Amino acid sequence: MLDIDRKGLPAVALFSEEFESGVEAWRDVHGFDAGAIYVRHPIQPLTVDEVHARADEIFDQVIAAITAP
């Protein structure tokens, strides 16, 4: 992801909200300013339909992040 960010390519990373503080700390240390979107936790025990519903929840955020100037 760092390479993508440094090349200026549109990208966004998806993380479980459980890891938000760790991701933000890592971003601060590395000067990483690429988009990060957090998905409601937990994810692993969900059914396929539930995963699709979580994806639907953040879809607009993802599109906005990768199309922002």
Protein backbone atom coordinates (compact mmCIF):
# COMPACT_ATOMS: atom_id res chain seq x y z
CA MET A 1 0.00 0.00 0.00
CA LEU A 2 2.87 2.37 0.71
CA ASP A 3 4.14 1.93 -2.86
CA ILE A 4 0.70 2.65 -4.27
CA ASP A 5 0.42 5.77 -2.10
CA ARG A 6 3.87 7.01 -3.10
CA LYS A 7 3.02 6.57 -6.80
CA GLY A 8 -0.08 8.69 -6.35
CA LEU A 9 -2.43 5.95 -7.55
CA PRO A 10 -6.01 5.93 -6.26
CA ALA A 11 -6.36 3.29 -3.57
CA VAL A 12 -7.95 2.67 -0.23
CA ALA A 13 -7.19 0.08 2.44
CA LEU A 14 -9.98 -1.72 4.28
CA PHE A 15 -9.55 -2.71 7.91
CA SER A 16 -11.74 -4.07 10.64
CA GLU A 17 -12.61 -1.25 13.05
CA GLU A 18 -11.01 -3.37 15.79
CA PHE A 19 -7.60 -2.41 14.41
CA GLU A 20 -8.19 1.33 13.89
CA SER A 21 -5.86 2.56 16.65
CA GLY A 22 -3.02 0.32 15.45
CA VAL A 23 -3.49 1.35 11.82
CA GLU A 24 -3.56 5.03 12.72
CA ALA A 25 -0.40 4.68 14.84
CA TRP A 26 1.37 2.88 11.98
CA ARG A 27 0.26 5.59 9.54
CA ASP A 28 1.64 8.29 11.84
CA VAL A 29 5.01 6.55 12.20
CA HIS A 30 5.41 6.00 8.46
CA GLY A 31 3.86 9.25 7.23
CA PHE A 32 1.31 7.20 5.35
CA ASP A 33 -1.61 9.37 4.27
CA ALA A 34 -3.53 6.99 2.00
CA GLY A 35 -7.18 6.34 2.61
CA ALA A 36 -8.24 3.85 5.24
CA ILE A 37 -11.82 2.71 5.66
CA TYR A 38 -12.93 0.76 8.68
CA VAL A 39 -15.49 -2.03 8.47
CA ARG A 40 -17.64 -3.01 11.44
CA HIS A 41 -16.08 -5.78 13.53
CA PRO A 42 -16.19 -8.79 13.58
CA ILE A 43 -15.90 -10.01 10.02
CA GLN A 44 -14.54 -13.57 10.20
CA PRO A 45 -17.65 -15.37 11.53
CA LEU A 46 -20.07 -13.74 9.08
CA THR A 47 -22.04 -15.49 6.39
CA VAL A 48 -21.54 -14.52 2.75
CA ASP A 49 -24.73 -12.44 2.84
CA GLU A 50 -23.56 -10.64 5.98
CA VAL A 51 -20.18 -9.88 4.38
CA HIS A 52 -21.99 -8.47 1.36
CA ALA A 53 -24.07 -6.28 3.68
CA ARG A 54 -20.90 -4.94 5.34
CA ALA A 55 -19.47 -4.20 1.90
CA ASP A 56 -22.65 -2.34 1.00
CA GLU A 57 -22.24 -0.22 4.15
CA ILE A 58 -18.87 1.13 3.03
CA PHE A 59 -19.29 1.06 -0.75
CA ASP A 60 -19.92 4.82 -1.08
CA GLN A 61 -16.88 5.58 1.10
CA VAL A 62 -14.65 3.39 -1.08
CA ILE A 63 -15.85 5.00 -4.30
CA ALA A 64 -15.41 8.49 -2.81
CA ALA A 65 -11.89 7.66 -1.60
CA ILE A 66 -10.65 6.31 -4.93
CA THR A 67 -12.22 9.05 -7.04
CA ALA A 68 -11.27 12.06 -4.89
CA PRO A 69 -8.90 14.52 -6.57
